Amino acid sequence: MKINTYFTKDKKVKKIIIDQLDKASSHVCVAVAWFTDIPLFNKLIELQKRSVHVEVIITNHEFNQSCANNFSLINENGGFFAEVGND
């Protein structure tokens, strides 16, 4: 497995993430503190519809709880979703 590192100051980081997700064929695992980006979340749901197994772990934080992403869809579509920590 080849691992590349990108930083948010790279203006193309979102495109890089989407391009990498488009290449996923079997499994995607996301572990981030805050996940509030709706298009990236929708991309994960799209992947699940293509039979890609998706796992998401985020912090139990108000940013995640107040965003528009419906994280329960990950589990409902056969993936794994968990929140860790206490705000």
N, C-alpha and C. Protein backbone atom coordinates (compact mmCIF):
# COMPACT_ATOMS: atom_id res chain seq x y z
N MET A 1 0.84 -1.17 0.00
CA MET A 1 0.00 0.00 0.00
C MET A 1 0.89 1.24 0.00
N LYS A 2 0.58 2.18 -0.89
CA LYS A 2 1.30 3.44 -0.95
C LYS A 2 0.51 4.49 -0.19
N ILE A 3 1.17 5.24 0.66
CA ILE A 3 0.52 6.28 1.44
C ILE A 3 1.09 7.63 1.03
N ASN A 4 0.21 8.56 0.68
CA ASN A 4 0.60 9.93 0.36
C ASN A 4 0.03 10.85 1.43
N THR A 5 0.74 11.92 1.71
CA THR A 5 0.30 12.88 2.71
C THR A 5 -0.01 14.21 2.03
N TYR A 6 -1.14 14.79 2.40
CA TYR A 6 -1.54 16.08 1.85
C TYR A 6 -1.93 16.99 3.01
N PHE A 7 -1.76 18.28 2.83
CA PHE A 7 -2.09 19.24 3.86
C PHE A 7 -3.17 20.17 3.35
N THR A 8 -3.98 20.71 4.25
CA THR A 8 -5.11 21.52 3.83
C THR A 8 -4.71 22.82 3.15
N LYS A 9 -3.47 23.24 3.27
CA LYS A 9 -3.04 24.44 2.55
C LYS A 9 -2.93 24.17 1.05
N ASP A 10 -2.92 22.89 0.68
CA ASP A 10 -2.98 22.53 -0.73
C ASP A 10 -4.39 22.83 -1.22
N LYS A 11 -4.52 23.76 -2.11
CA LYS A 11 -5.84 24.20 -2.56
C LYS A 11 -6.63 23.09 -3.26
N LYS A 12 -5.96 22.05 -3.69
CA LYS A 12 -6.62 20.98 -4.42
C LYS A 12 -6.90 19.77 -3.53
N VAL A 13 -6.79 19.90 -2.22
CA VAL A 13 -6.89 18.73 -1.35
C VAL A 13 -8.27 18.05 -1.47
N LYS A 14 -9.34 18.82 -1.60
CA LYS A 14 -10.67 18.21 -1.73
C LYS A 14 -10.76 17.41 -3.03
N LYS A 15 -10.23 17.95 -4.11
CA LYS A 15 -10.22 17.22 -5.38
C LYS A 15 -9.38 15.96 -5.25
N ILE A 16 -8.27 16.04 -4.57
CA ILE A 16 -7.41 14.87 -4.38
C ILE A 16 -8.18 13.79 -3.61
N ILE A 17 -8.88 14.19 -2.57
CA ILE A 17 -9.66 13.22 -1.79
C ILE A 17 -10.73 12.57 -2.66
N ILE A 18 -11.48 13.37 -3.40
CA ILE A 18 -12.53 12.81 -4.25
C ILE A 18 -11.95 11.89 -5.32
N ASP A 19 -10.84 12.29 -5.92
CA ASP A 19 -10.19 11.43 -6.91
C ASP A 19 -9.78 10.09 -6.31
N GLN A 20 -9.24 10.12 -5.10
CA GLN A 20 -8.85 8.88 -4.44
C GLN A 20 -10.07 8.02 -4.09
N LEU A 21 -11.13 8.67 -3.62
CA LEU A 21 -12.35 7.93 -3.32
C LEU A 21 -12.93 7.29 -4.57
N ASP A 22 -12.85 7.97 -5.69
CA ASP A 22 -13.36 7.40 -6.95
C ASP A 22 -12.61 6.14 -7.35
N LYS A 23 -11.38 5.98 -6.88
CA LYS A 23 -10.58 4.79 -7.19
C LYS A 23 -10.89 3.62 -6.26
N ALA A 24 -11.61 3.87 -5.19
CA ALA A 24 -11.88 2.82 -4.21
C ALA A 24 -12.72 1.72 -4.85
N SER A 25 -12.31 0.49 -4.62
CA SER A 25 -13.05 -0.63 -5.19
C SER A 25 -13.60 -1.58 -4.14
N SER A 26 -13.06 -1.54 -2.92
CA SER A 26 -13.56 -2.50 -1.93
C SER A 26 -13.78 -1.91 -0.53
N HIS A 27 -12.93 -0.97 -0.10
CA HIS A 27 -12.99 -0.54 1.30
C HIS A 27 -12.45 0.89 1.44
N VAL A 28 -13.17 1.70 2.22
CA VAL A 28 -12.71 3.04 2.57
C VAL A 28 -12.87 3.22 4.07
N CYS A 29 -11.82 3.68 4.72
CA CYS A 29 -11.87 3.94 6.15
C CYS A 29 -11.50 5.40 6.38
N VAL A 30 -12.39 6.12 7.07
CA VAL A 30 -12.18 7.53 7.36
C VAL A 30 -12.13 7.71 8.87
N ALA A 31 -11.09 8.35 9.35
CA ALA A 31 -10.98 8.67 10.78
C ALA A 31 -10.54 10.12 10.87
N VAL A 32 -11.45 10.99 11.26
CA VAL A 32 -11.18 12.43 11.34
C VAL A 32 -11.86 13.00 12.57
N ALA A 33 -11.38 14.14 13.02
CA ALA A 33 -12.01 14.78 14.17
C ALA A 33 -13.37 15.34 13.78
N TRP A 34 -13.40 16.13 12.73
CA TRP A 34 -14.65 16.76 12.30
C TRP A 34 -14.92 16.38 10.86
N PHE A 35 -16.16 16.03 10.58
CA PHE A 35 -16.54 15.64 9.22
C PHE A 35 -17.85 16.36 8.89
N THR A 36 -17.71 17.57 8.36
CA THR A 36 -18.88 18.40 8.09
C THR A 36 -19.10 18.66 6.60
N ASP A 37 -18.22 18.15 5.76
CA ASP A 37 -18.32 18.40 4.33
C ASP A 37 -19.38 17.51 3.70
N ILE A 38 -20.44 18.12 3.20
CA ILE A 38 -21.57 17.37 2.65
C ILE A 38 -21.20 16.63 1.35
N PRO A 39 -20.54 17.28 0.37
CA PRO A 39 -20.18 16.53 -0.84
C PRO A 39 -19.30 15.31 -0.57
N LEU A 40 -18.34 15.42 0.35
CA LEU A 40 -17.50 14.26 0.67
C LEU A 40 -18.32 13.16 1.34
N PHE A 41 -19.23 13.55 2.22
CA PHE A 41 -20.10 12.55 2.85
C PHE A 41 -20.96 11.86 1.79
N ASN A 42 -21.54 12.64 0.88
CA ASN A 42 -22.37 12.05 -0.17
C ASN A 42 -21.57 11.11 -1.06
N LYS A 43 -20.29 11.42 -1.26
CA LYS A 43 -19.42 10.53 -2.03
C LYS A 43 -19.28 9.18 -1.34
N LEU A 44 -19.19 9.18 -0.01
CA LEU A 44 -19.11 7.91 0.72
C LEU A 44 -20.39 7.09 0.55
N ILE A 45 -21.53 7.75 0.59
CA ILE A 45 -22.80 7.05 0.39
C ILE A 45 -22.87 6.50 -1.03
N GLU A 46 -22.40 7.27 -1.99
CA GLU A 46 -22.34 6.81 -3.39
C GLU A 46 -21.47 5.56 -3.49
N LEU A 47 -20.33 5.56 -2.80
CA LEU A 47 -19.45 4.39 -2.81
C LEU A 47 -20.15 3.17 -2.24
N GLN A 48 -20.90 3.36 -1.18
CA GLN A 48 -21.63 2.24 -0.59
C GLN A 48 -22.61 1.65 -1.59
N LYS A 49 -23.22 2.49 -2.39
CA LYS A 49 -24.16 2.01 -3.41
C LYS A 49 -23.44 1.22 -4.50
N ARG A 50 -22.11 1.40 -4.60
CA ARG A 50 -21.28 0.63 -5.54
C ARG A 50 -20.63 -0.56 -4.85
N SER A 51 -21.15 -0.92 -3.66
CA SER A 51 -20.67 -2.08 -2.88
C SER A 51 -19.28 -1.89 -2.28
N VAL A 52 -18.86 -0.66 -2.06
CA VAL A 52 -17.61 -0.39 -1.35
C VAL A 52 -17.95 -0.31 0.13
N HIS A 53 -17.23 -1.06 0.96
CA HIS A 53 -17.46 -1.05 2.40
C HIS A 53 -16.86 0.24 2.98
N VAL A 54 -17.67 1.00 3.71
CA VAL A 54 -17.25 2.29 4.25
C VAL A 54 -17.28 2.26 5.77
N GLU A 55 -16.19 2.72 6.38
CA GLU A 55 -16.10 2.86 7.83
C GLU A 55 -15.75 4.32 8.13
N VAL A 56 -16.47 4.91 9.09
CA VAL A 56 -16.22 6.30 9.47
C VAL A 56 -16.16 6.40 10.99
N ILE A 57 -15.10 6.99 11.50
CA ILE A 57 -14.95 7.25 12.93
C ILE A 57 -14.67 8.74 13.08
N ILE A 58 -15.49 9.41 13.88
CA ILE A 58 -15.35 10.85 14.12
C ILE A 58 -15.41 11.12 15.62
N THR A 59 -15.08 12.34 16.00
CA THR A 59 -15.21 12.70 17.41
C THR A 59 -16.66 13.02 17.76
N ASN A 60 -16.99 12.75 18.98
CA ASN A 60 -18.30 13.10 19.51
C ASN A 60 -18.24 14.59 19.86
N HIS A 61 -18.50 15.43 18.86
CA HIS A 61 -18.32 16.87 19.02
C HIS A 61 -19.50 17.60 18.40
N GLU A 62 -19.82 18.75 18.92
CA GLU A 62 -20.96 19.52 18.45
C GLU A 62 -20.86 19.87 16.97
N PHE A 63 -19.65 20.06 16.44
CA PHE A 63 -19.51 20.35 15.01
C PHE A 63 -20.10 19.22 14.17
N ASN A 64 -19.78 17.98 14.56
CA ASN A 64 -20.30 16.82 13.83
C ASN A 64 -21.79 16.64 14.05
N GLN A 65 -22.23 16.87 15.27
CA GLN A 65 -23.65 16.65 15.60
C GLN A 65 -24.56 17.69 14.98
N SER A 66 -24.05 18.88 14.72
CA SER A 66 -24.90 19.93 14.17
C SER A 66 -24.79 20.07 12.65
N CYS A 67 -23.94 19.27 12.03
CA CYS A 67 -23.82 19.38 10.57
C CYS A 67 -24.96 18.63 9.89
N ALA A 68 -25.08 18.81 8.60
CA ALA A 68 -26.20 18.24 7.85
C ALA A 68 -25.99 16.78 7.45
N ASN A 69 -24.81 16.22 7.69
CA ASN A 69 -24.56 14.82 7.31
C ASN A 69 -25.35 13.87 8.20
N ASN A 70 -26.05 12.95 7.57
CA ASN A 70 -26.83 11.95 8.30
C ASN A 70 -25.96 10.70 8.47
N PHE A 71 -25.14 10.70 9.50
CA PHE A 71 -24.15 9.63 9.69
C PHE A 71 -24.78 8.26 9.87
N SER A 72 -26.03 8.19 10.30
CA SER A 72 -26.68 6.89 10.46
C SER A 72 -26.81 6.17 9.12
N LEU A 73 -26.76 6.90 8.01
CA LEU A 73 -26.83 6.26 6.69
C LEU A 73 -25.66 5.30 6.46
N ILE A 74 -24.52 5.60 7.06
CA ILE A 74 -23.36 4.71 6.90
C ILE A 74 -23.71 3.31 7.41
N ASN A 75 -24.25 3.23 8.63
CA ASN A 75 -24.64 1.93 9.18
C ASN A 75 -25.80 1.33 8.41
N GLU A 76 -26.77 2.15 8.04
CA GLU A 76 -27.95 1.65 7.32
C GLU A 76 -27.59 1.04 5.98
N ASN A 77 -26.49 1.51 5.39
CA ASN A 77 -26.04 0.98 4.10
C ASN A 77 -24.99 -0.12 4.26
N GLY A 78 -24.87 -0.69 5.46
CA GLY A 78 -23.98 -1.82 5.68
C GLY A 78 -22.57 -1.47 6.07
N GLY A 79 -22.31 -0.20 6.36
CA GLY A 79 -20.97 0.20 6.77
C GLY A 79 -20.84 0.25 8.28
N PHE A 80 -19.84 0.96 8.72
CA PHE A 80 -19.58 1.10 10.16
C PHE A 80 -19.38 2.57 10.47
N PHE A 81 -20.12 3.07 11.47
CA PHE A 81 -19.97 4.45 11.91
C PHE A 81 -19.85 4.47 13.42
N ALA A 82 -18.90 5.27 13.92
CA ALA A 82 -18.75 5.41 15.37
C ALA A 82 -18.25 6.81 15.71
N GLU A 83 -18.67 7.26 16.89
CA GLU A 83 -18.16 8.51 17.45
C GLU A 83 -17.33 8.14 18.67
N VAL A 84 -16.22 8.82 18.84
CA VAL A 84 -15.35 8.55 19.99
C VAL A 84 -15.12 9.83 20.77
N GLY A 85 -14.81 9.68 22.02
CA GLY A 85 -14.51 10.83 22.86
C GLY A 85 -15.75 11.46 23.43
N ASN A 86 -15.52 12.56 24.12
CA ASN A 86 -16.62 13.28 24.74
C ASN A 86 -16.41 14.77 24.50
N ASP A 87 -16.84 15.22 23.33
CA ASP A 87 -16.73 16.61 22.90
C ASP A 87 -15.31 17.12 23.09
